[in-house]
Amino acid sequence: MVNAGIIGQAVGLFAVTNIDDIVILALFFAQGAASRGSALRIVLGQYLGFMAILAVAVAAAFGATFLPESFIPYLGLLPLALGLKAAWQGWRRRDDDERVELDHGPKALEVAAVTFANGGDNIGVYVPVFATSGLPGMSVYVVVFLVLVAVWCLVGRFFATRPFVAKALSRWGHVVLPLVLIGIGLVILVEGGAFGLGFG
């Protein structure tokens, strides 16, 4: 029988380590609002990115290190590059009154890259929890996390489709999204001390 306490811990752990993903998801959903199939690509990308995080964390919990700790700060290059790309595309189309939102909305692999990079620090939190939970406990964490990814996608889409939020994101999303992605990239790089950027 599954311990309800582990489920509660899994929910709490997911929430505190992924709360910022809701904002990013809302921006992605707003970006692809006018594009058919965009929502499915965003959900797929979110799952791909998060499953990659889980795969690395589970492997590390069993003692296999596929992603050296010193490499994690450099994951910031992924959202930084995507943010710069989005900024360039938005600037290039600034005079187009019938602008198509950034290549018909975000691509699944772009969402996955941002999700994985933004969750790189989550790996360090998940590994000791998984390692001390045993295989049954780890399985519960993984299942709960994967269910909550869907919940996070629904919440992100909910915010993106609220009239006030949708209007604001429609007007400013092409500016905010690149800034958020670039900001995430820089924070990951600086906090991790990549390229000697750390303050400590």
N, C-alpha and C. Protein backbone atom coordinates (compact mmCIF):
# COMPACT_ATOMS: atom_id res chain seq x y z
N MET A 1 0.85 -1.20 0.00
CA MET A 1 0.00 0.00 0.00
C MET A 1 0.89 1.25 0.00
N VAL A 2 0.54 2.22 -0.82
CA VAL A 2 1.34 3.43 -0.94
C VAL A 2 1.15 4.30 0.30
N ASN A 3 2.26 4.75 0.84
CA ASN A 3 2.24 5.61 2.01
C ASN A 3 1.78 7.01 1.60
N ALA A 4 0.68 7.47 2.25
CA ALA A 4 0.14 8.79 1.90
C ALA A 4 1.15 9.88 2.23
N GLY A 5 1.99 9.63 3.23
CA GLY A 5 2.99 10.62 3.60
C GLY A 5 3.98 10.87 2.48
N ILE A 6 4.38 9.81 1.78
CA ILE A 6 5.32 9.96 0.66
C ILE A 6 4.67 10.76 -0.47
N ILE A 7 3.38 10.50 -0.72
CA ILE A 7 2.68 11.25 -1.77
C ILE A 7 2.66 12.73 -1.42
N GLY A 8 2.36 13.03 -0.16
CA GLY A 8 2.34 14.43 0.27
C GLY A 8 3.71 15.08 0.14
N GLN A 9 4.74 14.35 0.51
CA GLN A 9 6.11 14.87 0.40
C GLN A 9 6.47 15.11 -1.07
N ALA A 10 6.04 14.17 -1.92
CA ALA A 10 6.33 14.31 -3.36
C ALA A 10 5.65 15.55 -3.93
N VAL A 11 4.38 15.77 -3.54
CA VAL A 11 3.64 16.95 -4.01
C VAL A 11 4.34 18.23 -3.55
N GLY A 12 4.71 18.25 -2.27
CA GLY A 12 5.38 19.44 -1.73
C GLY A 12 6.72 19.70 -2.39
N LEU A 13 7.49 18.64 -2.60
CA LEU A 13 8.81 18.78 -3.23
C LEU A 13 8.68 19.29 -4.66
N PHE A 14 7.73 18.73 -5.40
CA PHE A 14 7.53 19.17 -6.77
C PHE A 14 7.13 20.64 -6.81
N ALA A 15 6.20 21.02 -5.93
CA ALA A 15 5.70 22.39 -5.94
C ALA A 15 6.80 23.40 -5.67
N VAL A 16 7.61 23.15 -4.64
CA VAL A 16 8.63 24.15 -4.28
C VAL A 16 9.77 24.20 -5.29
N THR A 17 10.01 23.12 -6.01
CA THR A 17 11.12 23.13 -6.97
C THR A 17 10.69 23.51 -8.39
N ASN A 18 9.39 23.63 -8.61
CA ASN A 18 8.92 23.92 -9.98
C ASN A 18 7.94 25.08 -10.07
N ILE A 19 7.82 25.86 -9.00
CA ILE A 19 6.82 26.93 -9.01
C ILE A 19 7.08 27.94 -10.14
N ASP A 20 8.34 28.18 -10.47
CA ASP A 20 8.64 29.14 -11.53
C ASP A 20 8.25 28.64 -12.91
N ASP A 21 8.08 27.34 -13.05
CA ASP A 21 7.70 26.77 -14.35
C ASP A 21 6.30 27.22 -14.77
N ILE A 22 5.45 27.55 -13.81
CA ILE A 22 4.09 27.97 -14.16
C ILE A 22 4.13 29.27 -14.98
N VAL A 23 5.00 30.19 -14.57
CA VAL A 23 5.13 31.46 -15.30
C VAL A 23 5.64 31.21 -16.71
N ILE A 24 6.65 30.36 -16.82
CA ILE A 24 7.22 30.06 -18.14
C ILE A 24 6.19 29.37 -19.02
N LEU A 25 5.44 28.42 -18.44
CA LEU A 25 4.41 27.73 -19.22
C LEU A 25 3.33 28.70 -19.69
N ALA A 26 2.92 29.63 -18.82
CA ALA A 26 1.91 30.61 -19.21
C ALA A 26 2.40 31.44 -20.39
N LEU A 27 3.67 31.82 -20.36
CA LEU A 27 4.25 32.58 -21.47
C LEU A 27 4.27 31.75 -22.76
N PHE A 28 4.65 30.47 -22.63
CA PHE A 28 4.67 29.60 -23.80
C PHE A 28 3.27 29.43 -24.38
N PHE A 29 2.28 29.18 -23.50
CA PHE A 29 0.91 28.99 -23.98
C PHE A 29 0.38 30.26 -24.63
N ALA A 30 0.72 31.41 -24.07
CA ALA A 30 0.28 32.68 -24.67
C ALA A 30 0.95 32.87 -26.03
N GLN A 31 2.21 32.50 -26.13
CA GLN A 31 2.95 32.65 -27.38
C GLN A 31 2.33 31.83 -28.50
N GLY A 32 1.83 30.65 -28.15
CA GLY A 32 1.28 29.77 -29.17
C GLY A 32 -0.23 29.75 -29.24
N ALA A 33 -0.87 30.77 -28.62
CA ALA A 33 -2.33 30.78 -28.51
C ALA A 33 -3.02 30.70 -29.86
N ALA A 34 -2.44 31.33 -30.87
CA ALA A 34 -3.10 31.37 -32.18
C ALA A 34 -2.66 30.24 -33.10
N SER A 35 -1.86 29.34 -32.59
CA SER A 35 -1.31 28.29 -33.44
C SER A 35 -1.91 26.93 -33.11
N ARG A 36 -2.46 26.29 -34.10
CA ARG A 36 -3.06 24.97 -33.91
C ARG A 36 -1.99 23.95 -33.53
N GLY A 37 -2.26 23.18 -32.51
CA GLY A 37 -1.34 22.14 -32.09
C GLY A 37 -0.24 22.63 -31.16
N SER A 38 -0.21 23.94 -30.91
CA SER A 38 0.85 24.50 -30.07
C SER A 38 0.76 23.98 -28.63
N ALA A 39 -0.46 23.90 -28.09
CA ALA A 39 -0.62 23.45 -26.71
C ALA A 39 -0.08 22.04 -26.53
N LEU A 40 -0.35 21.18 -27.50
CA LEU A 40 0.15 19.80 -27.44
C LEU A 40 1.67 19.77 -27.47
N ARG A 41 2.27 20.62 -28.31
CA ARG A 41 3.74 20.67 -28.38
C ARG A 41 4.34 21.16 -27.07
N ILE A 42 3.67 22.11 -26.44
CA ILE A 42 4.16 22.63 -25.16
C ILE A 42 4.11 21.56 -24.08
N VAL A 43 2.98 20.84 -24.01
CA VAL A 43 2.84 19.77 -23.02
C VAL A 43 3.88 18.67 -23.28
N LEU A 44 4.03 18.30 -24.54
CA LEU A 44 5.01 17.29 -24.90
C LEU A 44 6.41 17.73 -24.50
N GLY A 45 6.74 18.98 -24.81
CA GLY A 45 8.05 19.50 -24.46
C GLY A 45 8.29 19.54 -22.97
N GLN A 46 7.26 19.93 -22.22
CA GLN A 46 7.37 19.96 -20.76
C GLN A 46 7.64 18.56 -20.21
N TYR A 47 6.93 17.57 -20.76
CA TYR A 47 7.15 16.19 -20.31
C TYR A 47 8.53 15.68 -20.70
N LEU A 48 8.95 15.99 -21.91
CA LEU A 48 10.28 15.54 -22.34
C LEU A 48 11.37 16.12 -21.45
N GLY A 49 11.27 17.42 -21.20
CA GLY A 49 12.27 18.07 -20.36
C GLY A 49 12.28 17.55 -18.95
N PHE A 50 11.09 17.34 -18.38
CA PHE A 50 11.03 16.89 -17.00
C PHE A 50 11.44 15.42 -16.88
N MET A 51 11.08 14.62 -17.88
CA MET A 51 11.51 13.22 -17.84
C MET A 51 13.03 13.10 -17.95
N ALA A 52 13.64 14.04 -18.67
CA ALA A 52 15.11 14.05 -18.74
C ALA A 52 15.69 14.38 -17.36
N ILE A 53 15.08 15.33 -16.65
CA ILE A 53 15.51 15.66 -15.29
C ILE A 53 15.40 14.43 -14.40
N LEU A 54 14.26 13.75 -14.47
CA LEU A 54 14.05 12.56 -13.65
C LEU A 54 15.04 11.45 -14.00
N ALA A 55 15.30 11.28 -15.28
CA ALA A 55 16.23 10.22 -15.70
C ALA A 55 17.61 10.45 -15.11
N VAL A 56 18.08 11.69 -15.15
CA VAL A 56 19.39 12.02 -14.59
C VAL A 56 19.39 11.83 -13.08
N ALA A 57 18.31 12.29 -12.42
CA ALA A 57 18.23 12.19 -10.96
C ALA A 57 18.16 10.73 -10.50
N VAL A 58 17.36 9.92 -11.19
CA VAL A 58 17.25 8.51 -10.83
C VAL A 58 18.58 7.79 -11.04
N ALA A 59 19.22 8.06 -12.17
CA ALA A 59 20.52 7.44 -12.45
C ALA A 59 21.53 7.83 -11.38
N ALA A 60 21.55 9.11 -11.01
CA ALA A 60 22.50 9.57 -10.00
C ALA A 60 22.20 8.94 -8.64
N ALA A 61 20.91 8.72 -8.35
CA ALA A 61 20.54 8.09 -7.08
C ALA A 61 21.06 6.66 -7.00
N PHE A 62 21.21 6.03 -8.15
CA PHE A 62 21.75 4.67 -8.20
C PHE A 62 23.27 4.68 -8.36
N GLY A 63 23.85 5.88 -8.36
CA GLY A 63 25.31 5.98 -8.42
C GLY A 63 25.89 6.24 -9.78
N ALA A 64 25.04 6.35 -10.80
CA ALA A 64 25.55 6.63 -12.15
C ALA A 64 25.50 8.14 -12.38
N THR A 65 26.57 8.72 -12.85
CA THR A 65 26.62 10.16 -13.08
C THR A 65 26.75 10.43 -14.57
N PHE A 66 25.61 10.68 -15.19
CA PHE A 66 25.61 11.00 -16.62
C PHE A 66 25.83 12.49 -16.85
N LEU A 67 25.51 13.30 -15.81
CA LEU A 67 25.63 14.74 -15.93
C LEU A 67 26.49 15.25 -14.78
N PRO A 68 27.78 15.45 -15.02
CA PRO A 68 28.67 15.92 -13.95
C PRO A 68 28.15 17.21 -13.32
N GLU A 69 28.29 17.34 -12.02
CA GLU A 69 27.78 18.51 -11.31
C GLU A 69 28.37 19.80 -11.87
N SER A 70 29.62 19.75 -12.30
CA SER A 70 30.28 20.95 -12.82
C SER A 70 29.68 21.41 -14.15
N PHE A 71 28.93 20.50 -14.81
CA PHE A 71 28.33 20.82 -16.10
C PHE A 71 27.00 21.54 -15.96
N ILE A 72 26.31 21.34 -14.82
CA ILE A 72 24.95 21.85 -14.64
C ILE A 72 24.84 23.36 -14.87
N PRO A 73 25.77 24.19 -14.36
CA PRO A 73 25.63 25.64 -14.61
C PRO A 73 25.59 26.01 -16.09
N TYR A 74 26.26 25.22 -16.91
CA TYR A 74 26.31 25.53 -18.34
C TYR A 74 25.00 25.23 -19.06
N LEU A 75 24.05 24.58 -18.36
CA LEU A 75 22.72 24.39 -18.93
C LEU A 75 22.05 25.74 -19.16
N GLY A 76 22.53 26.76 -18.45
CA GLY A 76 21.98 28.11 -18.63
C GLY A 76 22.13 28.62 -20.05
N LEU A 77 23.05 28.04 -20.80
CA LEU A 77 23.24 28.46 -22.19
C LEU A 77 22.01 28.13 -23.05
N LEU A 78 21.25 27.08 -22.67
CA LEU A 78 20.07 26.69 -23.46
C LEU A 78 18.99 27.77 -23.43
N PRO A 79 18.45 28.16 -22.24
CA PRO A 79 17.44 29.22 -22.26
C PRO A 79 18.00 30.56 -22.73
N LEU A 80 19.28 30.82 -22.46
CA LEU A 80 19.89 32.07 -22.93
C LEU A 80 19.85 32.14 -24.45
N ALA A 81 20.24 31.05 -25.11
CA ALA A 81 20.23 31.00 -26.57
C ALA A 81 18.81 31.11 -27.13
N LEU A 82 17.87 30.41 -26.50
CA LEU A 82 16.48 30.46 -26.97
C LEU A 82 15.88 31.85 -26.74
N GLY A 83 16.26 32.49 -25.62
CA GLY A 83 15.78 33.84 -25.35
C GLY A 83 16.31 34.84 -26.38
N LEU A 84 17.60 34.72 -26.72
CA LEU A 84 18.18 35.59 -27.73
C LEU A 84 17.53 35.36 -29.10
N LYS A 85 17.25 34.09 -29.39
CA LYS A 85 16.58 33.76 -30.66
C LYS A 85 15.18 34.38 -30.71
N ALA A 86 14.44 34.25 -29.59
CA ALA A 86 13.09 34.81 -29.53
C ALA A 86 13.13 36.33 -29.64
N ALA A 87 14.13 36.95 -28.99
CA ALA A 87 14.27 38.40 -29.06
C ALA A 87 14.56 38.85 -30.49
N TRP A 88 15.43 38.13 -31.17
CA TRP A 88 15.77 38.47 -32.55
C TRP A 88 14.56 38.33 -33.46
N GLN A 89 13.81 37.24 -33.30
CA GLN A 89 12.63 37.03 -34.14
C GLN A 89 11.57 38.08 -33.86
N GLY A 90 11.39 38.43 -32.58
CA GLY A 90 10.42 39.46 -32.23
C GLY A 90 10.82 40.82 -32.79
N TRP A 91 12.11 41.15 -32.74
CA TRP A 91 12.59 42.42 -33.26
C TRP A 91 12.46 42.46 -34.79
N ARG A 92 12.76 41.33 -35.42
CA ARG A 92 12.71 41.26 -36.88
C ARG A 92 11.28 41.45 -37.39
N ARG A 93 10.30 41.05 -36.58
CA ARG A 93 8.91 41.13 -37.01
C ARG A 93 8.16 42.29 -36.37
N ARG A 94 8.87 43.21 -35.74
CA ARG A 94 8.22 44.28 -34.98
C ARG A 94 7.33 45.16 -35.85
N ASP A 95 7.63 45.27 -37.13
CA ASP A 95 6.85 46.14 -38.02
C ASP A 95 5.76 45.40 -38.78
N ASP A 96 5.61 44.11 -38.51
CA ASP A 96 4.62 43.29 -39.22
C ASP A 96 3.32 43.31 -38.44
N ASP A 97 2.32 43.98 -38.95
CA ASP A 97 1.05 44.10 -38.24
C ASP A 97 0.35 42.77 -38.06
N GLU A 98 0.65 41.82 -38.94
CA GLU A 98 0.01 40.51 -38.85
C GLU A 98 1.05 39.47 -38.46
N ARG A 99 1.84 39.83 -37.47
CA ARG A 99 2.95 38.97 -37.05
C ARG A 99 2.45 37.59 -36.64
N VAL A 100 3.10 36.56 -37.15
CA VAL A 100 2.85 35.20 -36.70
C VAL A 100 3.77 34.95 -35.52
N GLU A 101 3.23 34.51 -34.42
CA GLU A 101 4.01 34.39 -33.19
C GLU A 101 5.15 33.40 -33.32
N LEU A 102 6.33 33.90 -33.38
CA LEU A 102 7.56 33.13 -33.30
C LEU A 102 7.46 31.72 -33.85
N ASP A 103 7.43 31.63 -35.15
CA ASP A 103 7.39 30.33 -35.81
C ASP A 103 6.22 29.47 -35.34
N HIS A 104 5.03 30.06 -35.29
CA HIS A 104 3.82 29.32 -34.94
C HIS A 104 3.89 28.74 -33.52
N GLY A 105 4.46 29.47 -32.62
CA GLY A 105 4.51 29.03 -31.23
C GLY A 105 5.75 28.21 -30.96
N PRO A 106 5.98 27.93 -29.68
CA PRO A 106 7.21 27.20 -29.31
C PRO A 106 7.20 25.76 -29.80
N LYS A 107 8.37 25.28 -30.14
CA LYS A 107 8.52 23.88 -30.54
C LYS A 107 8.72 23.02 -29.31
N ALA A 108 8.35 21.74 -29.42
CA ALA A 108 8.44 20.84 -28.27
C ALA A 108 9.85 20.75 -27.72
N LEU A 109 10.85 20.67 -28.60
CA LEU A 109 12.23 20.54 -28.13
C LEU A 109 12.73 21.82 -27.48
N GLU A 110 12.21 22.97 -27.91
CA GLU A 110 12.58 24.22 -27.25
C GLU A 110 12.03 24.27 -25.84
N VAL A 111 10.77 23.88 -25.69
CA VAL A 111 10.18 23.83 -24.35
C VAL A 111 10.93 22.83 -23.48
N ALA A 112 11.28 21.68 -24.07
CA ALA A 112 12.01 20.66 -23.31
C ALA A 112 13.37 21.18 -22.86
N ALA A 113 14.05 21.91 -23.73
CA ALA A 113 15.37 22.45 -23.39
C ALA A 113 15.28 23.44 -22.24
N VAL A 114 14.27 24.32 -22.28
CA VAL A 114 14.09 25.30 -21.20
C VAL A 114 13.73 24.59 -19.90
N THR A 115 12.83 23.61 -19.98
CA THR A 115 12.42 22.87 -18.80
C THR A 115 13.60 22.15 -18.16
N PHE A 116 14.40 21.49 -18.98
CA PHE A 116 15.55 20.75 -18.46
C PHE A 116 16.58 21.70 -17.85
N ALA A 117 16.88 22.78 -18.55
CA ALA A 117 17.88 23.73 -18.04
C ALA A 117 17.40 24.39 -16.76
N ASN A 118 16.13 24.80 -16.74
CA ASN A 118 15.59 25.47 -15.56
C ASN A 118 15.49 24.52 -14.38
N GLY A 119 15.41 23.21 -14.66
CA GLY A 119 15.31 22.23 -13.59
C GLY A 119 16.62 21.55 -13.26
N GLY A 120 17.71 22.07 -13.83
CA GLY A 120 19.01 21.46 -13.57
C GLY A 120 19.37 21.43 -12.11
N ASP A 121 19.01 22.51 -11.39
CA ASP A 121 19.32 22.55 -9.97
C ASP A 121 18.40 21.63 -9.16
N ASN A 122 17.25 21.28 -9.76
CA ASN A 122 16.34 20.35 -9.08
C ASN A 122 16.99 18.98 -8.90
N ILE A 123 17.86 18.64 -9.83
CA ILE A 123 18.51 17.32 -9.78
C ILE A 123 19.24 17.14 -8.46
N GLY A 124 19.94 18.20 -8.04
CA GLY A 124 20.67 18.12 -6.78
C GLY A 124 19.77 17.92 -5.58
N VAL A 125 18.52 18.37 -5.68
CA VAL A 125 17.55 18.18 -4.59
C VAL A 125 16.95 16.78 -4.66
N TYR A 126 16.65 16.34 -5.88
CA TYR A 126 15.97 15.06 -6.04
C TYR A 126 16.87 13.86 -5.72
N VAL A 127 18.15 13.96 -6.06
CA VAL A 127 19.03 12.80 -5.91
C VAL A 127 19.07 12.26 -4.49
N PRO A 128 19.34 13.07 -3.46
CA PRO A 128 19.38 12.50 -2.10
C PRO A 128 18.03 11.97 -1.64
N VAL A 129 16.94 12.63 -2.09
CA VAL A 129 15.60 12.17 -1.72
C VAL A 129 15.34 10.80 -2.34
N PHE A 130 15.65 10.67 -3.62
CA PHE A 130 15.46 9.39 -4.30
C PHE A 130 16.34 8.30 -3.70
N ALA A 131 17.58 8.66 -3.43
CA ALA A 131 18.54 7.67 -2.93
C ALA A 131 18.14 7.12 -1.58
N THR A 132 17.48 7.93 -0.75
CA THR A 132 17.10 7.48 0.60
C THR A 132 15.68 6.94 0.65
N SER A 133 14.96 6.97 -0.48
CA SER A 133 13.56 6.51 -0.49
C SER A 133 13.43 5.05 -0.85
N GLY A 134 14.50 4.45 -1.41
CA GLY A 134 14.39 3.08 -1.88
C GLY A 134 13.61 3.05 -3.18
N LEU A 135 13.63 1.92 -3.83
CA LEU A 135 12.97 1.80 -5.14
C LEU A 135 11.47 2.05 -5.07
N PRO A 136 10.74 1.48 -4.07
CA PRO A 136 9.29 1.75 -4.01
C PRO A 136 8.99 3.23 -3.81
N GLY A 137 9.72 3.85 -2.87
CA GLY A 137 9.49 5.27 -2.62
C GLY A 137 9.83 6.13 -3.81
N MET A 138 10.94 5.81 -4.47
CA MET A 138 11.35 6.55 -5.66
C MET A 138 10.29 6.45 -6.74
N SER A 139 9.71 5.28 -6.89
CA SER A 139 8.66 5.08 -7.90
C SER A 139 7.46 5.98 -7.63
N VAL A 140 7.12 6.13 -6.35
CA VAL A 140 6.00 7.00 -5.98
C VAL A 140 6.33 8.44 -6.35
N TYR A 141 7.52 8.87 -6.02
CA TYR A 141 7.93 10.24 -6.37
C TYR A 141 7.83 10.48 -7.87
N VAL A 142 8.34 9.55 -8.65
CA VAL A 142 8.34 9.71 -10.10
C VAL A 142 6.91 9.79 -10.65
N VAL A 143 6.04 8.89 -10.19
CA VAL A 143 4.66 8.88 -10.67
C VAL A 143 3.94 10.18 -10.29
N VAL A 144 4.10 10.60 -9.03
CA VAL A 144 3.46 11.84 -8.57
C VAL A 144 3.99 13.03 -9.37
N PHE A 145 5.28 13.08 -9.58
CA PHE A 145 5.87 14.17 -10.35
C PHE A 145 5.30 14.24 -11.76
N LEU A 146 5.17 13.08 -12.40
CA LEU A 146 4.67 13.06 -13.78
C LEU A 146 3.20 13.47 -13.85
N VAL A 147 2.42 13.12 -12.83
CA VAL A 147 1.03 13.57 -12.77
C VAL A 147 0.98 15.09 -12.59
N LEU A 148 1.87 15.60 -11.73
CA LEU A 148 1.87 17.03 -11.45
C LEU A 148 2.37 17.87 -12.63
N VAL A 149 3.15 17.28 -13.51
CA VAL A 149 3.55 18.00 -14.73
C VAL A 149 2.30 18.38 -15.51
N ALA A 150 1.34 17.44 -15.61
CA ALA A 150 0.08 17.72 -16.31
C ALA A 150 -0.69 18.82 -15.59
N VAL A 151 -0.72 18.77 -14.26
CA VAL A 151 -1.40 19.80 -13.49
C VAL A 151 -0.75 21.16 -13.74
N TRP A 152 0.57 21.20 -13.76
CA TRP A 152 1.31 22.45 -14.01
C TRP A 152 0.97 23.00 -15.39
N CYS A 153 0.87 22.11 -16.38
CA CYS A 153 0.50 22.54 -17.73
C CYS A 153 -0.90 23.14 -17.75
N LEU A 154 -1.83 22.52 -17.03
CA LEU A 154 -3.20 23.03 -16.96
C LEU A 154 -3.24 24.39 -16.29
N VAL A 155 -2.48 24.55 -15.22
CA VAL A 155 -2.45 25.83 -14.51
C VAL A 155 -1.83 26.91 -15.39
N GLY A 156 -0.73 26.56 -16.07
CA GLY A 156 -0.10 27.53 -16.97
C GLY A 156 -1.04 27.96 -18.08
N ARG A 157 -1.76 26.99 -18.65
CA ARG A 157 -2.72 27.31 -19.71
C ARG A 157 -3.88 28.13 -19.16
N PHE A 158 -4.32 27.82 -17.93
CA PHE A 158 -5.40 28.57 -17.29
C PHE A 158 -5.03 30.05 -17.18
N PHE A 159 -3.83 30.32 -16.66
CA PHE A 159 -3.40 31.70 -16.52
C PHE A 159 -3.28 32.40 -17.88
N ALA A 160 -2.77 31.67 -18.86
CA ALA A 160 -2.56 32.26 -20.18
C ALA A 160 -3.87 32.59 -20.89
N THR A 161 -4.96 31.93 -20.48
CA THR A 161 -6.24 32.15 -21.15
C THR A 161 -7.19 33.04 -20.35
N ARG A 162 -6.77 33.55 -19.19
CA ARG A 162 -7.60 34.52 -18.47
C ARG A 162 -7.60 35.82 -19.28
N PRO A 163 -8.76 36.43 -19.49
CA PRO A 163 -8.85 37.60 -20.37
C PRO A 163 -7.81 38.69 -20.09
N PHE A 164 -7.68 39.07 -18.82
CA PHE A 164 -6.74 40.15 -18.49
C PHE A 164 -5.30 39.72 -18.77
N VAL A 165 -4.97 38.50 -18.31
CA VAL A 165 -3.60 38.00 -18.51
C VAL A 165 -3.34 37.77 -19.99
N ALA A 166 -4.31 37.17 -20.67
CA ALA A 166 -4.14 36.89 -22.10
C ALA A 166 -3.93 38.17 -22.90
N LYS A 167 -4.67 39.22 -22.55
CA LYS A 167 -4.53 40.50 -23.25
C LYS A 167 -3.13 41.08 -23.02
N ALA A 168 -2.67 41.00 -21.75
CA ALA A 168 -1.34 41.53 -21.43
C ALA A 168 -0.25 40.73 -22.12
N LEU A 169 -0.39 39.40 -22.09
CA LEU A 169 0.63 38.56 -22.72
C LEU A 169 0.61 38.69 -24.24
N SER A 170 -0.60 38.90 -24.80
CA SER A 170 -0.70 39.08 -26.24
C SER A 170 0.03 40.35 -26.68
N ARG A 171 -0.06 41.36 -25.81
CA ARG A 171 0.57 42.64 -26.15
C ARG A 171 2.07 42.65 -25.84
N TRP A 172 2.44 42.03 -24.71
CA TRP A 172 3.81 42.13 -24.23
C TRP A 172 4.57 40.81 -24.20
N GLY A 173 3.88 39.70 -24.53
CA GLY A 173 4.51 38.39 -24.42
C GLY A 173 5.77 38.24 -25.26
N HIS A 174 5.76 38.87 -26.46
CA HIS A 174 6.92 38.75 -27.35
C HIS A 174 8.13 39.50 -26.78
N VAL A 175 7.89 40.36 -25.79
CA VAL A 175 8.99 41.05 -25.10
C VAL A 175 9.36 40.32 -23.82
N VAL A 176 8.31 39.90 -23.09
CA VAL A 176 8.54 39.28 -21.77
C VAL A 176 9.21 37.92 -21.90
N LEU A 177 8.76 37.09 -22.85
CA LEU A 177 9.31 35.74 -22.97
C LEU A 177 10.83 35.75 -23.20
N PRO A 178 11.34 36.52 -24.17
CA PRO A 178 12.80 36.55 -24.33
C PRO A 178 13.52 37.02 -23.07
N LEU A 179 12.95 38.05 -22.39
CA LEU A 179 13.58 38.55 -21.17
C LEU A 179 13.62 37.50 -20.09
N VAL A 180 12.52 36.74 -19.95
CA VAL A 180 12.46 35.68 -18.93
C VAL A 180 13.48 34.59 -19.25
N LEU A 181 13.52 34.15 -20.51
CA LEU A 181 14.45 33.09 -20.89
C LEU A 181 15.90 33.53 -20.72
N ILE A 182 16.20 34.75 -21.15
CA ILE A 182 17.56 35.27 -20.99
C ILE A 182 17.91 35.39 -19.51
N GLY A 183 16.93 35.88 -18.72
CA GLY A 183 17.15 36.00 -17.27
C GLY A 183 17.42 34.66 -16.62
N ILE A 184 16.63 33.65 -16.99
CA ILE A 184 16.84 32.30 -16.44
C ILE A 184 18.23 31.80 -16.79
N GLY A 185 18.60 31.98 -18.06
CA GLY A 185 19.91 31.53 -18.50
C GLY A 185 21.04 32.19 -17.73
N LEU A 186 20.94 33.51 -17.55
CA LEU A 186 21.99 34.24 -16.83
C LEU A 186 22.06 33.83 -15.36
N VAL A 187 20.88 33.65 -14.75
CA VAL A 187 20.86 33.24 -13.33
C VAL A 187 21.52 31.88 -13.15
N ILE A 188 21.19 30.94 -14.04
CA ILE A 188 21.79 29.60 -13.95
C ILE A 188 23.31 29.69 -14.12
N LEU A 189 23.75 30.46 -15.10
CA LEU A 189 25.18 30.60 -15.37
C LEU A 189 25.91 31.26 -14.19
N VAL A 190 25.33 32.35 -13.68
CA VAL A 190 25.99 33.11 -12.62
C VAL A 190 25.97 32.35 -11.30
N GLU A 191 24.80 31.83 -10.91
CA GLU A 191 24.70 31.12 -9.64
C GLU A 191 25.57 29.87 -9.63
N GLY A 192 25.74 29.26 -10.79
CA GLY A 192 26.56 28.06 -10.86
C GLY A 192 28.04 28.36 -11.05
N GLY A 193 28.37 29.63 -11.27
CA GLY A 193 29.77 30.00 -11.45
C GLY A 193 30.34 29.60 -12.80
N ALA A 194 29.47 29.43 -13.79
CA ALA A 194 29.97 29.08 -15.13
C ALA A 194 30.83 30.21 -15.68
N PHE A 195 31.89 29.86 -16.37
CA PHE A 195 32.81 30.82 -16.97
C PHE A 195 33.39 31.79 -15.94
N GLY A 196 33.42 31.36 -14.67
CA GLY A 196 33.96 32.21 -13.60
C GLY A 196 33.08 33.39 -13.26
N LEU A 197 31.74 33.26 -13.55
CA LEU A 197 30.82 34.38 -13.31
C LEU A 197 30.32 34.46 -11.88
N GLY A 198 30.55 33.44 -11.06
CA GLY A 198 30.00 33.42 -9.70
C GLY A 198 30.53 34.56 -8.85
N PHE A 199 29.74 34.89 -7.82
CA PHE A 199 30.12 35.98 -6.93
C PHE A 199 30.87 35.49 -5.70
N GLY A 200 30.80 34.17 -5.47
CA GLY A 200 31.37 33.65 -4.24
C GLY A 200 32.86 33.35 -4.35
